[in-house]
Amino acid sequence: MNLKEYIEEIDRQFRTGIAREHSYRPALQQLFSSMLPHLTVTNEPARKSSRSPFCTPLYQQPLPRTTNILA
């Protein structure tokens, strides 16, 4: 997915009139996955302590960290 396709999908969801925050997340996951192929992006990963990330990219190569994207 490229940026143009992402914006088109977000617009399509928005025009339904019933889309909420979670409606847009699959498109964001697809965008991240296509732009960052060396990562595995998980939508709605398990909660970690007091944080609740909506998307966590995991490095496919062994690295000592992950990066959480918080809502």
PDB file of N, CA and C in Angstrom:
ATOM      1  N   MET A   1       0.858  -1.176   0.000  1.00  0.00           N
ATOM      2  CA  MET A   1       0.000   0.000   0.000  1.00  0.00           C
ATOM      3  C   MET A   1       0.898   1.231   0.000  1.00  0.00           C
ATOM      4  N   ASN A   2       0.589   2.174  -0.856  1.00  0.00           N
ATOM      5  CA  ASN A   2       1.325   3.427  -0.837  1.00  0.00           C
ATOM      6  C   ASN A   2       0.488   4.505  -0.130  1.00  0.00           C
ATOM      7  N   LEU A   3       1.049   5.677   0.013  1.00  0.00           N
ATOM      8  CA  LEU A   3       0.370   6.737   0.759  1.00  0.00           C
ATOM      9  C   LEU A   3      -0.954   7.142   0.110  1.00  0.00           C
ATOM     10  N   LYS A   4      -0.984   7.187  -1.209  1.00  0.00           N
ATOM     11  CA  LYS A   4      -2.227   7.536  -1.917  1.00  0.00           C
ATOM     12  C   LYS A   4      -3.318   6.506  -1.620  1.00  0.00           C
ATOM     13  N   GLU A   5      -2.974   5.221  -1.676  1.00  0.00           N
ATOM     14  CA  GLU A   5      -3.951   4.162  -1.391  1.00  0.00           C
ATOM     15  C   GLU A   5      -4.419   4.230   0.061  1.00  0.00           C
ATOM     16  N   TYR A   6      -3.497   4.560   0.964  1.00  0.00           N
ATOM     17  CA  TYR A   6      -3.858   4.699   2.385  1.00  0.00           C
ATOM     18  C   TYR A   6      -4.890   5.811   2.558  1.00  0.00           C
ATOM     19  N   ILE A   7      -4.631   6.958   1.961  1.00  0.00           N
ATOM     20  CA  ILE A   7      -5.566   8.090   2.084  1.00  0.00           C
ATOM     21  C   ILE A   7      -6.908   7.741   1.459  1.00  0.00           C
ATOM     22  N   GLU A   8      -6.902   7.044   0.334  1.00  0.00           N
ATOM     23  CA  GLU A   8      -8.159   6.624  -0.300  1.00  0.00           C
ATOM     24  C   GLU A   8      -8.945   5.684   0.613  1.00  0.00           C
ATOM     25  N   GLU A   9      -8.257   4.761   1.280  1.00  0.00           N
ATOM     26  CA  GLU A   9      -8.934   3.827   2.189  1.00  0.00           C
ATOM     27  C   GLU A   9      -9.486   4.553   3.411  1.00  0.00           C
ATOM     28  N   ILE A  10      -8.723   5.473   3.958  1.00  0.00           N
ATOM     29  CA  ILE A  10      -9.200   6.264   5.102  1.00  0.00           C
ATOM     30  C   ILE A  10     -10.430   7.065   4.694  1.00  0.00           C
ATOM     31  N   ASP A  11     -10.388   7.676   3.521  1.00  0.00           N
ATOM     32  CA  ASP A  11     -11.525   8.445   3.024  1.00  0.00           C
ATOM     33  C   ASP A  11     -12.743   7.558   2.815  1.00  0.00           C
ATOM     34  N   ARG A  12     -12.519   6.356   2.262  1.00  0.00           N
ATOM     35  CA  ARG A  12     -13.629   5.416   2.037  1.00  0.00           C
ATOM     36  C   ARG A  12     -14.295   5.042   3.360  1.00  0.00           C
ATOM     37  N   GLN A  13     -13.472   4.765   4.368  1.00  0.00           N
ATOM     38  CA  GLN A  13     -14.013   4.433   5.688  1.00  0.00           C
ATOM     39  C   GLN A  13     -14.770   5.624   6.276  1.00  0.00           C
ATOM     40  N   PHE A  14     -14.188   6.814   6.164  1.00  0.00           N
ATOM     41  CA  PHE A  14     -14.803   8.018   6.723  1.00  0.00           C
ATOM     42  C   PHE A  14     -16.166   8.298   6.095  1.00  0.00           C
ATOM     43  N   ARG A  15     -16.250   8.115   4.775  1.00  0.00           N
ATOM     44  CA  ARG A  15     -17.498   8.418   4.066  1.00  0.00           C
ATOM     45  C   ARG A  15     -18.648   7.489   4.444  1.00  0.00           C
ATOM     46  N   THR A  16     -18.371   6.366   5.104  1.00  0.00           N
ATOM     47  CA  THR A  16     -19.467   5.494   5.532  1.00  0.00           C
ATOM     48  C   THR A  16     -20.318   6.175   6.593  1.00  0.00           C
ATOM     49  N   GLY A  17     -19.720   7.113   7.314  1.00  0.00           N
ATOM     50  CA  GLY A  17     -20.450   7.812   8.366  1.00  0.00           C
ATOM     51  C   GLY A  17     -20.514   7.048   9.676  1.00  0.00           C
ATOM     52  N   ILE A  18     -20.001   5.836   9.697  1.00  0.00           N
ATOM     53  CA  ILE A  18     -20.053   5.036  10.929  1.00  0.00           C
ATOM     54  C   ILE A  18     -18.670   4.625  11.420  1.00  0.00           C
ATOM     55  N   ALA A  19     -17.631   5.073  10.730  1.00  0.00           N
ATOM     56  CA  ALA A  19     -16.265   4.680  11.099  1.00  0.00           C
ATOM     57  C   ALA A  19     -15.839   5.359  12.396  1.00  0.00           C
ATOM     58  N   ARG A  20     -15.148   4.600  13.206  1.00  0.00           N
ATOM     59  CA  ARG A  20     -14.555   5.117  14.444  1.00  0.00           C
ATOM     60  C   ARG A  20     -13.075   4.790  14.421  1.00  0.00           C
ATOM     61  N   GLU A  21     -12.375   5.098  15.482  1.00  0.00           N
ATOM     62  CA  GLU A  21     -10.918   4.957  15.549  1.00  0.00           C
ATOM     63  C   GLU A  21     -10.429   3.598  15.042  1.00  0.00           C
ATOM     64  N   HIS A  22     -11.045   2.533  15.478  1.00  0.00           N
ATOM     65  CA  HIS A  22     -10.576   1.198  15.114  1.00  0.00           C
ATOM     66  C   HIS A  22     -10.798   0.869  13.637  1.00  0.00           C
ATOM     67  N   SER A  23     -11.668   1.591  12.975  1.00  0.00           N
ATOM     68  CA  SER A  23     -11.936   1.364  11.559  1.00  0.00           C
ATOM     69  C   SER A  23     -10.737   1.702  10.681  1.00  0.00           C
ATOM     70  N   TYR A  24      -9.900   2.612  11.151  1.00  0.00           N
ATOM     71  CA  TYR A  24      -8.772   3.098  10.354  1.00  0.00           C
ATOM     72  C   TYR A  24      -7.487   2.311  10.594  1.00  0.00           C
ATOM     73  N   ARG A  25      -7.435   1.532  11.630  1.00  0.00           N
ATOM     74  CA  ARG A  25      -6.198   0.855  12.008  1.00  0.00           C
ATOM     75  C   ARG A  25      -5.713  -0.199  11.013  1.00  0.00           C
ATOM     76  N   PRO A  26      -6.580  -1.002  10.392  1.00  0.00           N
ATOM     77  CA  PRO A  26      -6.068  -1.972   9.406  1.00  0.00           C
ATOM     78  C   PRO A  26      -5.327  -1.299   8.252  1.00  0.00           C
ATOM     79  N   ALA A  27      -5.816  -0.153   7.803  1.00  0.00           N
ATOM     80  CA  ALA A  27      -5.136   0.566   6.723  1.00  0.00           C
ATOM     81  C   ALA A  27      -3.778   1.069   7.189  1.00  0.00           C
ATOM     82  N   LEU A  28      -3.702   1.550   8.416  1.00  0.00           N
ATOM     83  CA  LEU A  28      -2.428   2.016   8.957  1.00  0.00           C
ATOM     84  C   LEU A  28      -1.448   0.855   9.091  1.00  0.00           C
ATOM     85  N   GLN A  29      -1.940  -0.294   9.523  1.00  0.00           N
ATOM     86  CA  GLN A  29      -1.090  -1.479   9.626  1.00  0.00           C
ATOM     87  C   GLN A  29      -0.557  -1.866   8.236  1.00  0.00           C
ATOM     88  N   GLN A  30      -1.402  -1.847   7.233  1.00  0.00           N
ATOM     89  CA  GLN A  30      -0.967  -2.174   5.870  1.00  0.00           C
ATOM     90  C   GLN A  30       0.064  -1.166   5.367  1.00  0.00           C
ATOM     91  N   LEU A  31      -0.161   0.119   5.649  1.00  0.00           N
ATOM     92  CA  LEU A  31       0.777   1.146   5.223  1.00  0.00           C
ATOM     93  C   LEU A  31       2.143   0.929   5.863  1.00  0.00           C
ATOM     94  N   PHE A  32       2.164   0.745   7.191  1.00  0.00           N
ATOM     95  CA  PHE A  32       3.432   0.511   7.881  1.00  0.00           C
ATOM     96  C   PHE A  32       4.130  -0.738   7.338  1.00  0.00           C
ATOM     97  N   SER A  33       3.369  -1.801   7.140  1.00  0.00           N
ATOM     98  CA  SER A  33       3.957  -3.057   6.661  1.00  0.00           C
ATOM     99  C   SER A  33       4.563  -2.911   5.273  1.00  0.00           C
ATOM    100  N   SER A  34       3.913  -2.146   4.408  1.00  0.00           N
ATOM    101  CA  SER A  34       4.440  -1.987   3.056  1.00  0.00           C
ATOM    102  C   SER A  34       5.612  -1.010   3.008  1.00  0.00           C
ATOM    103  N   MET A  35       5.604  -0.013   3.864  1.00  0.00           N
ATOM    104  CA  MET A  35       6.694   0.963   3.866  1.00  0.00           C
ATOM    105  C   MET A  35       7.907   0.477   4.654  1.00  0.00           C
ATOM    106  N   LEU A  36       7.690  -0.429   5.588  1.00  0.00           N
ATOM    107  CA  LEU A  36       8.757  -0.934   6.449  1.00  0.00           C
ATOM    108  C   LEU A  36       8.755  -2.455   6.409  1.00  0.00           C
ATOM    109  N   PRO A  37       9.143  -3.054   5.279  1.00  0.00           N
ATOM    110  CA  PRO A  37       9.028  -4.500   5.119  1.00  0.00           C
ATOM    111  C   PRO A  37       9.905  -5.317   6.066  1.00  0.00           C
ATOM    112  N   HIS A  38      10.882  -4.691   6.695  1.00  0.00           N
ATOM    113  CA  HIS A  38      11.737  -5.415   7.641  1.00  0.00           C
ATOM    114  C   HIS A  38      11.083  -5.528   9.021  1.00  0.00           C
ATOM    115  N   LEU A  39       9.873  -4.972   9.172  1.00  0.00           N
ATOM    116  CA  LEU A  39       9.145  -5.054  10.440  1.00  0.00           C
ATOM    117  C   LEU A  39       7.911  -5.922  10.280  1.00  0.00           C
ATOM    118  N   THR A  40       7.493  -6.528  11.375  1.00  0.00           N
ATOM    119  CA  THR A  40       6.198  -7.191  11.449  1.00  0.00           C
ATOM    120  C   THR A  40       5.326  -6.289  12.310  1.00  0.00           C
ATOM    121  N   VAL A  41       4.276  -5.751  11.745  1.00  0.00           N
ATOM    122  CA  VAL A  41       3.433  -4.791  12.451  1.00  0.00           C
ATOM    123  C   VAL A  41       2.196  -5.509  12.960  1.00  0.00           C
ATOM    124  N   THR A  42       1.913  -5.370  14.256  1.00  0.00           N
ATOM    125  CA  THR A  42       0.760  -6.017  14.874  1.00  0.00           C
ATOM    126  C   THR A  42      -0.231  -4.957  15.338  1.00  0.00           C
ATOM    127  N   ASN A  43      -1.458  -5.077  14.862  1.00  0.00           N
ATOM    128  CA  ASN A  43      -2.526  -4.182  15.289  1.00  0.00           C
ATOM    129  C   ASN A  43      -3.129  -4.739  16.578  1.00  0.00           C
ATOM    130  N   GLU A  44      -3.333  -3.889  17.568  1.00  0.00           N
ATOM    131  CA  GLU A  44      -3.890  -4.282  18.862  1.00  0.00           C
ATOM    132  C   GLU A  44      -3.067  -5.362  19.551  1.00  0.00           C
ATOM    133  N   PRO A  45      -1.780  -5.115  19.812  1.00  0.00           N
ATOM    134  CA  PRO A  45      -0.971  -6.111  20.527  1.00  0.00           C
ATOM    135  C   PRO A  45      -1.402  -6.212  21.987  1.00  0.00           C
ATOM    136  N   ALA A  46      -0.928  -7.237  22.656  1.00  0.00           N
ATOM    137  CA  ALA A  46      -1.245  -7.425  24.073  1.00  0.00           C
ATOM    138  C   ALA A  46      -0.764  -6.232  24.885  1.00  0.00           C
ATOM    139  N   ARG A  47      -1.536  -5.905  25.894  1.00  0.00           N
ATOM    140  CA  ARG A  47      -1.199  -4.784  26.778  1.00  0.00           C
ATOM    141  C   ARG A  47       0.075  -5.098  27.544  1.00  0.00           C
ATOM    142  N   LYS A  48       0.918  -4.081  27.725  1.00  0.00           N
ATOM    143  CA  LYS A  48       2.156  -4.217  28.484  1.00  0.00           C
ATOM    144  C   LYS A  48       2.098  -3.270  29.676  1.00  0.00           C
ATOM    145  N   SER A  49       2.134  -3.812  30.855  1.00  0.00           N
ATOM    146  CA  SER A  49       2.058  -3.062  32.118  1.00  0.00           C
ATOM    147  C   SER A  49       0.969  -2.005  32.026  1.00  0.00           C
ATOM    148  N   SER A  50       1.305  -0.742  32.129  1.00  0.00           N
ATOM    149  CA  SER A  50       0.280   0.306  32.127  1.00  0.00           C
ATOM    150  C   SER A  50       0.076   0.915  30.746  1.00  0.00           C
ATOM    151  N   ARG A  51       0.840   0.452  29.759  1.00  0.00           N
ATOM    152  CA  ARG A  51       0.717   1.000  28.407  1.00  0.00           C
ATOM    153  C   ARG A  51      -0.226   0.151  27.579  1.00  0.00           C
ATOM    154  N   SER A  52      -0.914   0.811  26.674  1.00  0.00           N
ATOM    155  CA  SER A  52      -1.813   0.099  25.784  1.00  0.00           C
ATOM    156  C   SER A  52      -1.568   0.573  24.351  1.00  0.00           C
ATOM    157  N   PRO A  53      -0.536   0.049  23.695  1.00  0.00           N
ATOM    158  CA  PRO A  53      -0.226   0.497  22.327  1.00  0.00           C
ATOM    159  C   PRO A  53      -1.261  -0.016  21.338  1.00  0.00           C
ATOM    160  N   PHE A  54      -1.521   0.768  20.287  1.00  0.00           N
ATOM    161  CA  PHE A  54      -2.458   0.288  19.275  1.00  0.00           C
ATOM    162  C   PHE A  54      -1.733  -0.403  18.140  1.00  0.00           C
ATOM    163  N   CYS A  55      -0.427  -0.223  18.064  1.00  0.00           N
ATOM    164  CA  CYS A  55       0.326  -0.840  16.982  1.00  0.00           C
ATOM    165  C   CYS A  55       1.754  -1.048  17.447  1.00  0.00           C
ATOM    166  N   THR A  56       2.293  -2.239  17.246  1.00  0.00           N
ATOM    167  CA  THR A  56       3.663  -2.524  17.649  1.00  0.00           C
ATOM    168  C   THR A  56       4.423  -3.132  16.480  1.00  0.00           C
ATOM    169  N   PRO A  57       5.409  -2.398  15.951  1.00  0.00           N
ATOM    170  CA  PRO A  57       6.251  -3.004  14.929  1.00  0.00           C
ATOM    171  C   PRO A  57       7.342  -3.839  15.581  1.00  0.00           C
ATOM    172  N   LEU A  58       7.532  -5.048  15.138  1.00  0.00           N
ATOM    173  CA  LEU A  58       8.568  -5.925  15.681  1.00  0.00           C
ATOM    174  C   LEU A  58       9.610  -6.172  14.601  1.00  0.00           C
ATOM    175  N   TYR A  59      10.871  -6.032  14.971  1.00  0.00           N
ATOM    176  CA  TYR A  59      11.946  -6.273  14.026  1.00  0.00           C
ATOM    177  C   TYR A  59      12.015  -7.757  13.703  1.00  0.00           C
ATOM    178  N   GLN A  60      12.134  -8.099  12.445  1.00  0.00           N
ATOM    179  CA  GLN A  60      12.232  -9.497  12.044  1.00  0.00           C
ATOM    180  C   GLN A  60      13.624 -10.044  12.329  1.00  0.00           C
ATOM    181  N   GLN A  61      14.598  -9.162  12.409  1.00  0.00           N
ATOM    182  CA  GLN A  61      15.933  -9.576  12.796  1.00  0.00           C
ATOM    183  C   GLN A  61      16.031  -9.428  14.310  1.00  0.00           C
ATOM    184  N   PRO A  62      16.802 -10.260  14.984  1.00  0.00           N
ATOM    185  CA  PRO A  62      16.868 -10.164  16.439  1.00  0.00           C
ATOM    186  C   PRO A  62      17.495  -8.857  16.901  1.00  0.00           C
ATOM    187  N   LEU A  63      16.686  -8.007  17.473  1.00  0.00           N
ATOM    188  CA  LEU A  63      17.140  -6.761  18.078  1.00  0.00           C
ATOM    189  C   LEU A  63      16.597  -6.703  19.492  1.00  0.00           C
ATOM    190  N   PRO A  64      17.240  -6.010  20.394  1.00  0.00           N
ATOM    191  CA  PRO A  64      16.832  -6.043  21.796  1.00  0.00           C
ATOM    192  C   PRO A  64      15.657  -5.154  22.162  1.00  0.00           C
ATOM    193  N   ARG A  65      14.942  -4.590  21.167  1.00  0.00           N
ATOM    194  CA  ARG A  65      13.867  -3.677  21.533  1.00  0.00           C
ATOM    195  C   ARG A  65      12.726  -3.735  20.520  1.00  0.00           C
ATOM    196  N   THR A  66      11.568  -3.225  20.943  1.00  0.00           N
ATOM    197  CA  THR A  66      10.450  -2.981  20.047  1.00  0.00           C
ATOM    198  C   THR A  66      10.046  -1.541  20.258  1.00  0.00           C
ATOM    199  N   THR A  67       9.301  -1.007  19.334  1.00  0.00           N
ATOM    200  CA  THR A  67       8.817   0.359  19.437  1.00  0.00           C
ATOM    201  C   THR A  67       7.313   0.299  19.438  1.00  0.00           C
ATOM    202  N   ASN A  68       6.695   0.940  20.413  1.00  0.00           N
ATOM    203  CA  ASN A  68       5.238   0.983  20.486  1.00  0.00           C
ATOM    204  C   ASN A  68       4.740   2.333  19.991  1.00  0.00           C
ATOM    205  N   ILE A  69       3.631   2.320  19.289  1.00  0.00           N
ATOM    206  CA  ILE A  69       3.007   3.549  18.850  1.00  0.00           C
ATOM    207  C   ILE A  69       1.755   3.695  19.703  1.00  0.00           C
ATOM    208  N   LEU A  70       1.743   4.688  20.562  1.00  0.00           N
ATOM    209  CA  LEU A  70       0.641   4.859  21.500  1.00  0.00           C
ATOM    210  C   LEU A  70      -0.402   5.787  20.937  1.00  0.00           C
ATOM    211  N   ALA A  71      -1.664   5.465  21.207  1.00  0.00           N
ATOM    212  CA  ALA A  71      -2.761   6.314  20.739  1.00  0.00           C
ATOM    213  C   ALA A  71      -2.829   7.546  21.589  1.00  0.00           C
TER     214      ALA A  71
END
